Full PDB file with SEQRES, HELIX, SHEET, SSBOND, CRYST1, ORIGX, SCALE, CONECT and MASTER records, all heavy atoms in Angstrom:
SEQRES   1 A   41  THR SER SER GLN ASP SER LYS SER PRO ILE VAL ILE SER          
SEQRES   2 A   41  VAL ALA LYS TYR GLY LEU VAL GLY THR LEU ILE THR ALA          
SEQRES   3 A   41  LEU PHE GLY LEU ALA GLY VAL GLY LEU THR ALA TYR LEU          
SEQRES   4 A   41  ASN ASN                                                      
HELIX    1 AA1 VAL A   14  ASN A   40  1                                  27    
CRYST1    1.000    1.000    1.000  90.00  90.00  90.00 P 1           1          
ORIGX1      1.000000  0.000000  0.000000        0.00000                         
ORIGX2      0.000000  1.000000  0.000000        0.00000                         
ORIGX3      0.000000  0.000000  1.000000        0.00000                         
SCALE1      1.000000  0.000000  0.000000        0.00000                         
SCALE2      0.000000  1.000000  0.000000        0.00000                         
SCALE3      0.000000  0.000000  1.000000        0.00000                         
ATOM      1  N   THR A   1     -30.542  35.835 133.447  1.00  0.00           N  
ATOM      2  CA  THR A   1     -31.322  35.205 132.389  1.00  0.00           C  
ATOM      3  C   THR A   1     -30.891  33.821 132.108  1.00  0.00           C  
ATOM      4  O   THR A   1     -29.704  33.495 132.407  1.00  0.00           O  
ATOM      5  CB  THR A   1     -31.150  35.976 131.055  1.00  0.00           C  
ATOM      6  OG1 THR A   1     -29.727  36.025 130.728  1.00  0.00           O  
ATOM      7  CG2 THR A   1     -31.677  37.398 131.177  1.00  0.00           C  
ATOM      8  N   SER A   2     -31.716  32.937 131.705  1.00  0.00           N  
ATOM      9  CA  SER A   2     -31.465  31.574 131.380  1.00  0.00           C  
ATOM     10  C   SER A   2     -31.332  31.335 129.917  1.00  0.00           C  
ATOM     11  O   SER A   2     -31.990  31.996 129.062  1.00  0.00           O  
ATOM     12  CB  SER A   2     -32.539  30.681 131.974  1.00  0.00           C  
ATOM     13  OG  SER A   2     -32.352  29.315 131.560  1.00  0.00           O  
ATOM     14  N   SER A   3     -30.493  30.339 129.462  1.00  0.00           N  
ATOM     15  CA  SER A   3     -30.359  30.035 128.126  1.00  0.00           C  
ATOM     16  C   SER A   3     -31.434  29.073 127.674  1.00  0.00           C  
ATOM     17  O   SER A   3     -31.536  28.774 126.507  1.00  0.00           O  
ATOM     18  CB  SER A   3     -28.997  29.378 127.888  1.00  0.00           C  
ATOM     19  OG  SER A   3     -28.893  28.161 128.504  1.00  0.00           O  
ATOM     20  N   GLN A   4     -32.295  28.626 128.523  1.00  0.00           N  
ATOM     21  CA  GLN A   4     -33.308  27.676 128.200  1.00  0.00           C  
ATOM     22  C   GLN A   4     -34.563  28.470 127.767  1.00  0.00           C  
ATOM     23  O   GLN A   4     -35.050  29.339 128.464  1.00  0.00           O  
ATOM     24  CB  GLN A   4     -33.676  26.815 129.410  1.00  0.00           C  
ATOM     25  CG  GLN A   4     -32.523  26.038 130.024  1.00  0.00           C  
ATOM     26  CD  GLN A   4     -31.943  25.105 129.022  1.00  0.00           C  
ATOM     27  OE1 GLN A   4     -32.627  24.550 128.168  1.00  0.00           O  
ATOM     28  NE2 GLN A   4     -30.623  24.935 129.012  1.00  0.00           N  
ATOM     29  N   ASP A   5     -35.128  28.175 126.577  1.00  0.00           N  
ATOM     30  CA  ASP A   5     -36.316  28.799 126.046  1.00  0.00           C  
ATOM     31  C   ASP A   5     -37.521  27.968 126.341  1.00  0.00           C  
ATOM     32  O   ASP A   5     -37.371  26.727 126.642  1.00  0.00           O  
ATOM     33  CB  ASP A   5     -36.140  28.980 124.502  1.00  0.00           C  
ATOM     34  CG  ASP A   5     -37.219  29.901 123.908  1.00  0.00           C  
ATOM     35  OD1 ASP A   5     -37.103  31.102 124.003  1.00  0.00           O  
ATOM     36  OD2 ASP A   5     -38.137  29.327 123.368  1.00  0.00           O  
ATOM     37  N   SER A   6     -38.660  28.581 126.317  1.00  0.00           N  
ATOM     38  CA  SER A   6     -39.894  27.858 126.609  1.00  0.00           C  
ATOM     39  C   SER A   6     -40.148  26.826 125.494  1.00  0.00           C  
ATOM     40  O   SER A   6     -40.824  25.801 125.733  1.00  0.00           O  
ATOM     41  CB  SER A   6     -41.035  28.801 126.640  1.00  0.00           C  
ATOM     42  OG  SER A   6     -41.165  29.577 125.474  1.00  0.00           O  
ATOM     43  N   LYS A   7     -39.606  27.008 124.325  1.00  0.00           N  
ATOM     44  CA  LYS A   7     -39.738  26.045 123.255  1.00  0.00           C  
ATOM     45  C   LYS A   7     -38.356  25.374 123.076  1.00  0.00           C  
ATOM     46  O   LYS A   7     -37.412  25.920 122.452  1.00  0.00           O  
ATOM     47  CB  LYS A   7     -40.139  26.652 121.917  1.00  0.00           C  
ATOM     48  CG  LYS A   7     -41.552  27.351 121.958  1.00  0.00           C  
ATOM     49  CD  LYS A   7     -41.872  27.931 120.675  1.00  0.00           C  
ATOM     50  CE  LYS A   7     -43.294  28.508 120.686  1.00  0.00           C  
ATOM     51  NZ  LYS A   7     -43.624  29.166 119.405  1.00  0.00           N  
ATOM     52  N   SER A   8     -38.181  24.224 123.694  1.00  0.00           N  
ATOM     53  CA  SER A   8     -36.894  23.580 123.719  1.00  0.00           C  
ATOM     54  C   SER A   8     -36.567  23.021 122.328  1.00  0.00           C  
ATOM     55  O   SER A   8     -37.342  22.282 121.744  1.00  0.00           O  
ATOM     56  CB  SER A   8     -36.919  22.412 124.757  1.00  0.00           C  
ATOM     57  OG  SER A   8     -37.110  22.925 126.014  1.00  0.00           O  
ATOM     58  N   PRO A   9     -35.449  23.386 121.782  1.00  0.00           N  
ATOM     59  CA  PRO A   9     -35.058  22.938 120.415  1.00  0.00           C  
ATOM     60  C   PRO A   9     -34.665  21.521 120.367  1.00  0.00           C  
ATOM     61  O   PRO A   9     -34.167  20.974 121.439  1.00  0.00           O  
ATOM     62  CB  PRO A   9     -33.910  23.854 120.036  1.00  0.00           C  
ATOM     63  CG  PRO A   9     -33.282  24.203 121.323  1.00  0.00           C  
ATOM     64  CD  PRO A   9     -34.402  24.333 122.350  1.00  0.00           C  
ATOM     65  N   ILE A  10     -34.866  20.836 119.277  1.00  0.00           N  
ATOM     66  CA  ILE A  10     -34.287  19.540 119.061  1.00  0.00           C  
ATOM     67  C   ILE A  10     -32.930  19.678 118.533  1.00  0.00           C  
ATOM     68  O   ILE A  10     -32.697  20.177 117.419  1.00  0.00           O  
ATOM     69  CB  ILE A  10     -35.138  18.749 118.038  1.00  0.00           C  
ATOM     70  CG1 ILE A  10     -36.566  18.653 118.536  1.00  0.00           C  
ATOM     71  CG2 ILE A  10     -34.554  17.310 117.797  1.00  0.00           C  
ATOM     72  CD1 ILE A  10     -37.554  18.057 117.505  1.00  0.00           C  
ATOM     73  N   VAL A  11     -31.877  19.330 119.326  1.00  0.00           N  
ATOM     74  CA  VAL A  11     -30.524  19.618 118.990  1.00  0.00           C  
ATOM     75  C   VAL A  11     -29.911  18.384 118.349  1.00  0.00           C  
ATOM     76  O   VAL A  11     -29.973  17.319 118.971  1.00  0.00           O  
ATOM     77  CB  VAL A  11     -29.689  20.029 120.189  1.00  0.00           C  
ATOM     78  CG1 VAL A  11     -28.245  20.214 119.852  1.00  0.00           C  
ATOM     79  CG2 VAL A  11     -30.282  21.272 120.810  1.00  0.00           C  
ATOM     80  N   ILE A  12     -29.327  18.527 117.160  1.00  0.00           N  
ATOM     81  CA  ILE A  12     -28.642  17.390 116.507  1.00  0.00           C  
ATOM     82  C   ILE A  12     -27.223  17.777 116.278  1.00  0.00           C  
ATOM     83  O   ILE A  12     -26.890  18.832 115.763  1.00  0.00           O  
ATOM     84  CB  ILE A  12     -29.324  17.150 115.113  1.00  0.00           C  
ATOM     85  CG1 ILE A  12     -30.794  16.855 115.310  1.00  0.00           C  
ATOM     86  CG2 ILE A  12     -28.635  15.994 114.418  1.00  0.00           C  
ATOM     87  CD1 ILE A  12     -31.564  16.756 114.011  1.00  0.00           C  
ATOM     88  N   SER A  13     -26.326  16.938 116.756  1.00  0.00           N  
ATOM     89  CA  SER A  13     -24.903  17.197 116.779  1.00  0.00           C  
ATOM     90  C   SER A  13     -24.232  16.816 115.474  1.00  0.00           C  
ATOM     91  O   SER A  13     -24.230  15.636 115.091  1.00  0.00           O  
ATOM     92  CB  SER A  13     -24.231  16.503 117.917  1.00  0.00           C  
ATOM     93  OG  SER A  13     -22.860  16.644 117.885  1.00  0.00           O  
ATOM     94  N   VAL A  14     -23.616  17.771 114.803  1.00  0.00           N  
ATOM     95  CA  VAL A  14     -22.766  17.493 113.600  1.00  0.00           C  
ATOM     96  C   VAL A  14     -21.586  16.619 113.982  1.00  0.00           C  
ATOM     97  O   VAL A  14     -21.202  15.728 113.297  1.00  0.00           O  
ATOM     98  CB  VAL A  14     -22.306  18.780 112.926  1.00  0.00           C  
ATOM     99  CG1 VAL A  14     -21.415  18.522 111.790  1.00  0.00           C  
ATOM    100  CG2 VAL A  14     -23.556  19.606 112.469  1.00  0.00           C  
ATOM    101  N   ALA A  15     -21.068  16.970 115.193  1.00  0.00           N  
ATOM    102  CA  ALA A  15     -19.841  16.235 115.599  1.00  0.00           C  
ATOM    103  C   ALA A  15     -20.149  14.744 115.786  1.00  0.00           C  
ATOM    104  O   ALA A  15     -19.287  13.863 115.566  1.00  0.00           O  
ATOM    105  CB  ALA A  15     -19.331  16.786 116.880  1.00  0.00           C  
ATOM    106  N   LYS A  16     -21.380  14.413 116.149  1.00  0.00           N  
ATOM    107  CA  LYS A  16     -21.726  12.991 116.433  1.00  0.00           C  
ATOM    108  C   LYS A  16     -22.118  12.245 115.169  1.00  0.00           C  
ATOM    109  O   LYS A  16     -21.740  11.170 114.890  1.00  0.00           O  
ATOM    110  CB  LYS A  16     -22.889  12.942 117.480  1.00  0.00           C  
ATOM    111  CG  LYS A  16     -23.335  11.541 117.787  1.00  0.00           C  
ATOM    112  CD  LYS A  16     -24.407  11.549 118.873  1.00  0.00           C  
ATOM    113  CE  LYS A  16     -24.841  10.152 119.268  1.00  0.00           C  
ATOM    114  NZ  LYS A  16     -25.851  10.130 120.278  1.00  0.00           N  
ATOM    115  N   TYR A  17     -22.905  12.928 114.319  1.00  0.00           N  
ATOM    116  CA  TYR A  17     -23.516  12.196 113.169  1.00  0.00           C  
ATOM    117  C   TYR A  17     -22.811  12.538 111.879  1.00  0.00           C  
ATOM    118  O   TYR A  17     -23.011  11.856 110.818  1.00  0.00           O  
ATOM    119  CB  TYR A  17     -24.995  12.570 113.053  1.00  0.00           C  
ATOM    120  CG  TYR A  17     -25.839  12.123 114.199  1.00  0.00           C  
ATOM    121  CD1 TYR A  17     -26.319  13.031 115.138  1.00  0.00           C  
ATOM    122  CD2 TYR A  17     -26.155  10.808 114.418  1.00  0.00           C  
ATOM    123  CE1 TYR A  17     -27.087  12.638 116.260  1.00  0.00           C  
ATOM    124  CE2 TYR A  17     -26.899  10.389 115.460  1.00  0.00           C  
ATOM    125  CZ  TYR A  17     -27.318  11.328 116.415  1.00  0.00           C  
ATOM    126  OH  TYR A  17     -28.061  10.906 117.427  1.00  0.00           O  
ATOM    127  N   GLY A  18     -22.026  13.581 111.786  1.00  0.00           N  
ATOM    128  CA  GLY A  18     -21.450  14.025 110.538  1.00  0.00           C  
ATOM    129  C   GLY A  18     -22.451  14.876 109.781  1.00  0.00           C  
ATOM    130  O   GLY A  18     -23.721  14.860 110.086  1.00  0.00           O  
ATOM    131  N   LEU A  19     -22.061  15.626 108.793  1.00  0.00           N  
ATOM    132  CA  LEU A  19     -22.928  16.532 108.078  1.00  0.00           C  
ATOM    133  C   LEU A  19     -24.057  15.871 107.354  1.00  0.00           C  
ATOM    134  O   LEU A  19     -25.214  16.221 107.477  1.00  0.00           O  
ATOM    135  CB  LEU A  19     -22.121  17.399 107.146  1.00  0.00           C  
ATOM    136  CG  LEU A  19     -22.852  18.436 106.367  1.00  0.00           C  
ATOM    137  CD1 LEU A  19     -23.616  19.386 107.283  1.00  0.00           C  
ATOM    138  CD2 LEU A  19     -22.011  19.267 105.385  1.00  0.00           C  
ATOM    139  N   VAL A  20     -23.672  14.825 106.583  1.00  0.00           N  
ATOM    140  CA  VAL A  20     -24.739  14.059 105.799  1.00  0.00           C  
ATOM    141  C   VAL A  20     -25.691  13.429 106.799  1.00  0.00           C  
ATOM    142  O   VAL A  20     -26.948  13.506 106.687  1.00  0.00           O  
ATOM    143  CB  VAL A  20     -24.123  13.062 104.890  1.00  0.00           C  
ATOM    144  CG1 VAL A  20     -25.121  12.199 104.232  1.00  0.00           C  
ATOM    145  CG2 VAL A  20     -23.214  13.737 103.879  1.00  0.00           C  
ATOM    146  N   GLY A  21     -25.112  12.679 107.790  1.00  0.00           N  
ATOM    147  CA  GLY A  21     -26.007  11.971 108.771  1.00  0.00           C  
ATOM    148  C   GLY A  21     -26.865  12.983 109.483  1.00  0.00           C  
ATOM    149  O   GLY A  21     -28.049  12.695 109.827  1.00  0.00           O  
ATOM    150  N   THR A  22     -26.397  14.214 109.791  1.00  0.00           N  
ATOM    151  CA  THR A  22     -27.197  15.204 110.502  1.00  0.00           C  
ATOM    152  C   THR A  22     -28.383  15.628 109.585  1.00  0.00           C  
ATOM    153  O   THR A  22     -29.476  15.750 110.123  1.00  0.00           O  
ATOM    154  CB  THR A  22     -26.309  16.409 110.824  1.00  0.00           C  
ATOM    155  OG1 THR A  22     -25.227  16.040 111.680  1.00  0.00           O  
ATOM    156  CG2 THR A  22     -27.106  17.511 111.487  1.00  0.00           C  
ATOM    157  N   LEU A  23     -28.118  15.912 108.363  1.00  0.00           N  
ATOM    158  CA  LEU A  23     -29.219  16.289 107.420  1.00  0.00           C  
ATOM    159  C   LEU A  23     -30.256  15.238 107.315  1.00  0.00           C  
ATOM    160  O   LEU A  23     -31.495  15.537 107.316  1.00  0.00           O  
ATOM    161  CB  LEU A  23     -28.656  16.651 106.102  1.00  0.00           C  
ATOM    162  CG  LEU A  23     -27.696  17.890 106.039  1.00  0.00           C  
ATOM    163  CD1 LEU A  23     -27.172  18.034 104.617  1.00  0.00           C  
ATOM    164  CD2 LEU A  23     -28.433  19.106 106.418  1.00  0.00           C  
ATOM    165  N   ILE A  24     -29.808  13.970 107.170  1.00  0.00           N  
ATOM    166  CA  ILE A  24     -30.773  12.830 107.141  1.00  0.00           C  
ATOM    167  C   ILE A  24     -31.602  12.674 108.346  1.00  0.00           C  
ATOM    168  O   ILE A  24     -32.772  12.588 108.379  1.00  0.00           O  
ATOM    169  CB  ILE A  24     -30.064  11.554 106.802  1.00  0.00           C  
ATOM    170  CG1 ILE A  24     -29.459  11.614 105.366  1.00  0.00           C  
ATOM    171  CG2 ILE A  24     -30.998  10.393 106.924  1.00  0.00           C  
ATOM    172  CD1 ILE A  24     -28.559  10.389 105.085  1.00  0.00           C  
ATOM    173  N   THR A  25     -30.876  12.843 109.535  1.00  0.00           N  
ATOM    174  CA  THR A  25     -31.576  12.770 110.853  1.00  0.00           C  
ATOM    175  C   THR A  25     -32.539  13.880 111.001  1.00  0.00           C  
ATOM    176  O   THR A  25     -33.621  13.710 111.517  1.00  0.00           O  
ATOM    177  CB  THR A  25     -30.519  12.797 111.988  1.00  0.00           C  
ATOM    178  OG1 THR A  25     -29.534  11.776 111.752  1.00  0.00           O  
ATOM    179  CG2 THR A  25     -31.184  12.661 113.322  1.00  0.00           C  
ATOM    180  N   ALA A  26     -32.204  15.024 110.567  1.00  0.00           N  
ATOM    181  CA  ALA A  26     -33.075  16.232 110.676  1.00  0.00           C  
ATOM    182  C   ALA A  26     -34.305  15.995 109.818  1.00  0.00           C  
ATOM    183  O   ALA A  26     -35.454  16.264 110.238  1.00  0.00           O  
ATOM    184  CB  ALA A  26     -32.315  17.491 110.232  1.00  0.00           C  
ATOM    185  N   LEU A  27     -34.228  15.469 108.577  1.00  0.00           N  
ATOM    186  CA  LEU A  27     -35.353  15.274 107.703  1.00  0.00           C  
ATOM    187  C   LEU A  27     -36.305  14.231 108.301  1.00  0.00           C  
ATOM    188  O   LEU A  27     -37.476  14.361 108.275  1.00  0.00           O  
ATOM    189  CB  LEU A  27     -34.824  14.877 106.303  1.00  0.00           C  
ATOM    190  CG  LEU A  27     -34.172  15.963 105.480  1.00  0.00           C  
ATOM    191  CD1 LEU A  27     -33.539  15.382 104.210  1.00  0.00           C  
ATOM    192  CD2 LEU A  27     -35.092  17.034 105.215  1.00  0.00           C  
ATOM    193  N   PHE A  28     -35.729  13.083 108.779  1.00  0.00           N  
ATOM    194  CA  PHE A  28     -36.516  12.082 109.370  1.00  0.00           C  
ATOM    195  C   PHE A  28     -37.161  12.574 110.608  1.00  0.00           C  
ATOM    196  O   PHE A  28     -38.335  12.184 110.977  1.00  0.00           O  
ATOM    197  CB  PHE A  28     -35.716  10.763 109.620  1.00  0.00           C  
ATOM    198  CG  PHE A  28     -35.675   9.916 108.404  1.00  0.00           C  
ATOM    199  CD1 PHE A  28     -34.559   9.996 107.511  1.00  0.00           C  
ATOM    200  CD2 PHE A  28     -36.636   9.030 108.138  1.00  0.00           C  
ATOM    201  CE1 PHE A  28     -34.495   9.210 106.398  1.00  0.00           C  
ATOM    202  CE2 PHE A  28     -36.541   8.166 106.994  1.00  0.00           C  
ATOM    203  CZ  PHE A  28     -35.520   8.298 106.119  1.00  0.00           C  
ATOM    204  N   GLY A  29     -36.446  13.418 111.367  1.00  0.00           N  
ATOM    205  CA  GLY A  29     -36.966  13.945 112.564  1.00  0.00           C  
ATOM    206  C   GLY A  29     -38.209  14.806 112.284  1.00  0.00           C  
ATOM    207  O   GLY A  29     -39.218  14.740 113.006  1.00  0.00           O  
ATOM    208  N   LEU A  30     -38.111  15.630 111.255  1.00  0.00           N  
ATOM    209  CA  LEU A  30     -39.267  16.475 110.902  1.00  0.00           C  
ATOM    210  C   LEU A  30     -40.475  15.609 110.483  1.00  0.00           C  
ATOM    211  O   LEU A  30     -41.631  15.962 110.735  1.00  0.00           O  
ATOM    212  CB  LEU A  30     -38.848  17.424 109.744  1.00  0.00           C  
ATOM    213  CG  LEU A  30     -37.853  18.488 110.051  1.00  0.00           C  
ATOM    214  CD1 LEU A  30     -37.622  19.355 108.811  1.00  0.00           C  
ATOM    215  CD2 LEU A  30     -38.391  19.371 111.223  1.00  0.00           C  
ATOM    216  N   ALA A  31     -40.134  14.537 109.673  1.00  0.00           N  
ATOM    217  CA  ALA A  31     -41.220  13.717 109.206  1.00  0.00           C  
ATOM    218  C   ALA A  31     -41.920  13.030 110.421  1.00  0.00           C  
ATOM    219  O   ALA A  31     -43.123  12.775 110.437  1.00  0.00           O  
ATOM    220  CB  ALA A  31     -40.667  12.711 108.276  1.00  0.00           C  
ATOM    221  N   GLY A  32     -41.050  12.690 111.405  1.00  0.00           N  
ATOM    222  CA  GLY A  32     -41.638  11.940 112.591  1.00  0.00           C  
ATOM    223  C   GLY A  32     -42.419  12.864 113.497  1.00  0.00           C  
ATOM    224  O   GLY A  32     -43.477  12.474 113.990  1.00  0.00           O  
ATOM    225  N   VAL A  33     -41.950  14.094 113.727  1.00  0.00           N  
ATOM    226  CA  VAL A  33     -42.635  14.930 114.749  1.00  0.00           C  
ATOM    227  C   VAL A  33     -43.743  15.733 114.152  1.00  0.00           C  
ATOM    228  O   VAL A  33     -44.633  16.219 114.808  1.00  0.00           O  
ATOM    229  CB  VAL A  33     -41.644  15.862 115.437  1.00  0.00           C  
ATOM    230  CG1 VAL A  33     -40.646  15.087 116.141  1.00  0.00           C  
ATOM    231  CG2 VAL A  33     -41.013  16.854 114.459  1.00  0.00           C  
ATOM    232  N   GLY A  34     -43.764  15.909 112.758  1.00  0.00           N  
ATOM    233  CA  GLY A  34     -44.767  16.674 112.135  1.00  0.00           C  
ATOM    234  C   GLY A  34     -44.508  18.176 112.152  1.00  0.00           C  
ATOM    235  O   GLY A  34     -43.643  18.661 112.861  1.00  0.00           O  
ATOM    236  N   LEU A  35     -45.117  18.919 111.224  1.00  0.00           N  
ATOM    237  CA  LEU A  35     -44.938  20.332 111.113  1.00  0.00           C  
ATOM    238  C   LEU A  35     -45.273  21.120 112.307  1.00  0.00           C  
ATOM    239  O   LEU A  35     -44.493  21.977 112.735  1.00  0.00           O  
ATOM    240  CB  LEU A  35     -45.730  20.884 109.896  1.00  0.00           C  
ATOM    241  CG  LEU A  35     -45.517  22.359 109.601  1.00  0.00           C  
ATOM    242  CD1 LEU A  35     -44.088  22.655 109.317  1.00  0.00           C  
ATOM    243  CD2 LEU A  35     -46.448  22.801 108.412  1.00  0.00           C  
ATOM    244  N   THR A  36     -46.334  20.785 112.950  1.00  0.00           N  
ATOM    245  CA  THR A  36     -46.733  21.522 114.194  1.00  0.00           C  
ATOM    246  C   THR A  36     -45.705  21.398 115.278  1.00  0.00           C  
ATOM    247  O   THR A  36     -45.332  22.348 115.942  1.00  0.00           O  
ATOM    248  CB  THR A  36     -48.132  21.050 114.660  1.00  0.00           C  
ATOM    249  OG1 THR A  36     -49.072  21.260 113.642  1.00  0.00           O  
ATOM    250  CG2 THR A  36     -48.586  21.865 115.901  1.00  0.00           C  
ATOM    251  N   ALA A  37     -45.262  20.152 115.471  1.00  0.00           N  
ATOM    252  CA  ALA A  37     -44.288  19.847 116.475  1.00  0.00           C  
ATOM    253  C   ALA A  37     -42.915  20.571 116.183  1.00  0.00           C  
ATOM    254  O   ALA A  37     -42.296  21.068 117.043  1.00  0.00           O  
ATOM    255  CB  ALA A  37     -44.043  18.369 116.650  1.00  0.00           C  
ATOM    256  N   TYR A  38     -42.639  20.604 114.861  1.00  0.00           N  
ATOM    257  CA  TYR A  38     -41.405  21.308 114.466  1.00  0.00           C  
ATOM    258  C   TYR A  38     -41.460  22.784 114.787  1.00  0.00           C  
ATOM    259  O   TYR A  38     -40.468  23.390 115.219  1.00  0.00           O  
ATOM    260  CB  TYR A  38     -41.163  21.101 112.973  1.00  0.00           C  
ATOM    261  CG  TYR A  38     -40.120  21.992 112.405  1.00  0.00           C  
ATOM    262  CD1 TYR A  38     -38.764  21.827 112.803  1.00  0.00           C  
ATOM    263  CD2 TYR A  38     -40.468  22.998 111.514  1.00  0.00           C  
ATOM    264  CE1 TYR A  38     -37.799  22.632 112.295  1.00  0.00           C  
ATOM    265  CE2 TYR A  38     -39.468  23.870 111.026  1.00  0.00           C  
ATOM    266  CZ  TYR A  38     -38.108  23.675 111.427  1.00  0.00           C  
ATOM    267  OH  TYR A  38     -37.222  24.512 110.902  1.00  0.00           O  
ATOM    268  N   LEU A  39     -42.608  23.396 114.471  1.00  0.00           N  
ATOM    269  CA  LEU A  39     -42.739  24.822 114.760  1.00  0.00           C  
ATOM    270  C   LEU A  39     -42.674  25.094 116.239  1.00  0.00           C  
ATOM    271  O   LEU A  39     -42.108  26.152 116.590  1.00  0.00           O  
ATOM    272  CB  LEU A  39     -44.103  25.325 114.191  1.00  0.00           C  
ATOM    273  CG  LEU A  39     -44.284  25.302 112.651  1.00  0.00           C  
ATOM    274  CD1 LEU A  39     -45.625  25.721 112.304  1.00  0.00           C  
ATOM    275  CD2 LEU A  39     -43.211  26.229 112.032  1.00  0.00           C  
ATOM    276  N   ASN A  40     -43.084  24.148 117.038  1.00  0.00           N  
ATOM    277  CA  ASN A  40     -42.990  24.385 118.472  1.00  0.00           C  
ATOM    278  C   ASN A  40     -41.642  23.955 119.035  1.00  0.00           C  
ATOM    279  O   ASN A  40     -41.118  24.414 120.098  1.00  0.00           O  
ATOM    280  CB  ASN A  40     -44.067  23.573 119.249  1.00  0.00           C  
ATOM    281  CG  ASN A  40     -45.453  24.146 118.981  1.00  0.00           C  
ATOM    282  OD1 ASN A  40     -45.600  25.327 118.790  1.00  0.00           O  
ATOM    283  ND2 ASN A  40     -46.402  23.283 118.998  1.00  0.00           N  
ATOM    284  N   ASN A  41     -40.965  23.035 118.336  1.00  0.00           N  
ATOM    285  CA  ASN A  41     -39.654  22.553 118.735  1.00  0.00           C  
ATOM    286  C   ASN A  41     -38.683  22.521 117.568  1.00  0.00           C  
ATOM    287  O   ASN A  41     -38.477  21.467 116.987  1.00  0.00           O  
ATOM    288  CB  ASN A  41     -39.772  21.156 119.394  1.00  0.00           C  
ATOM    289  CG  ASN A  41     -40.646  21.141 120.576  1.00  0.00           C  
ATOM    290  OD1 ASN A  41     -40.216  21.413 121.757  1.00  0.00           O  
ATOM    291  ND2 ASN A  41     -41.899  20.741 120.404  1.00  0.00           N  
TER     292      ASN A  41                                                      
MASTER        0    0    0    1    0    0    0    6  291    1    0    4          
END                                                                             
């Protein structure tokens, strides 16, 4: 079996951005890709 799913997740690293930066990045990411894109990714 492969760890890759047909719906590839958008991975945001806490180690890279920090917790606050990660949450902000995630929120802006959702706004940018839209709800439909979020549900798929």
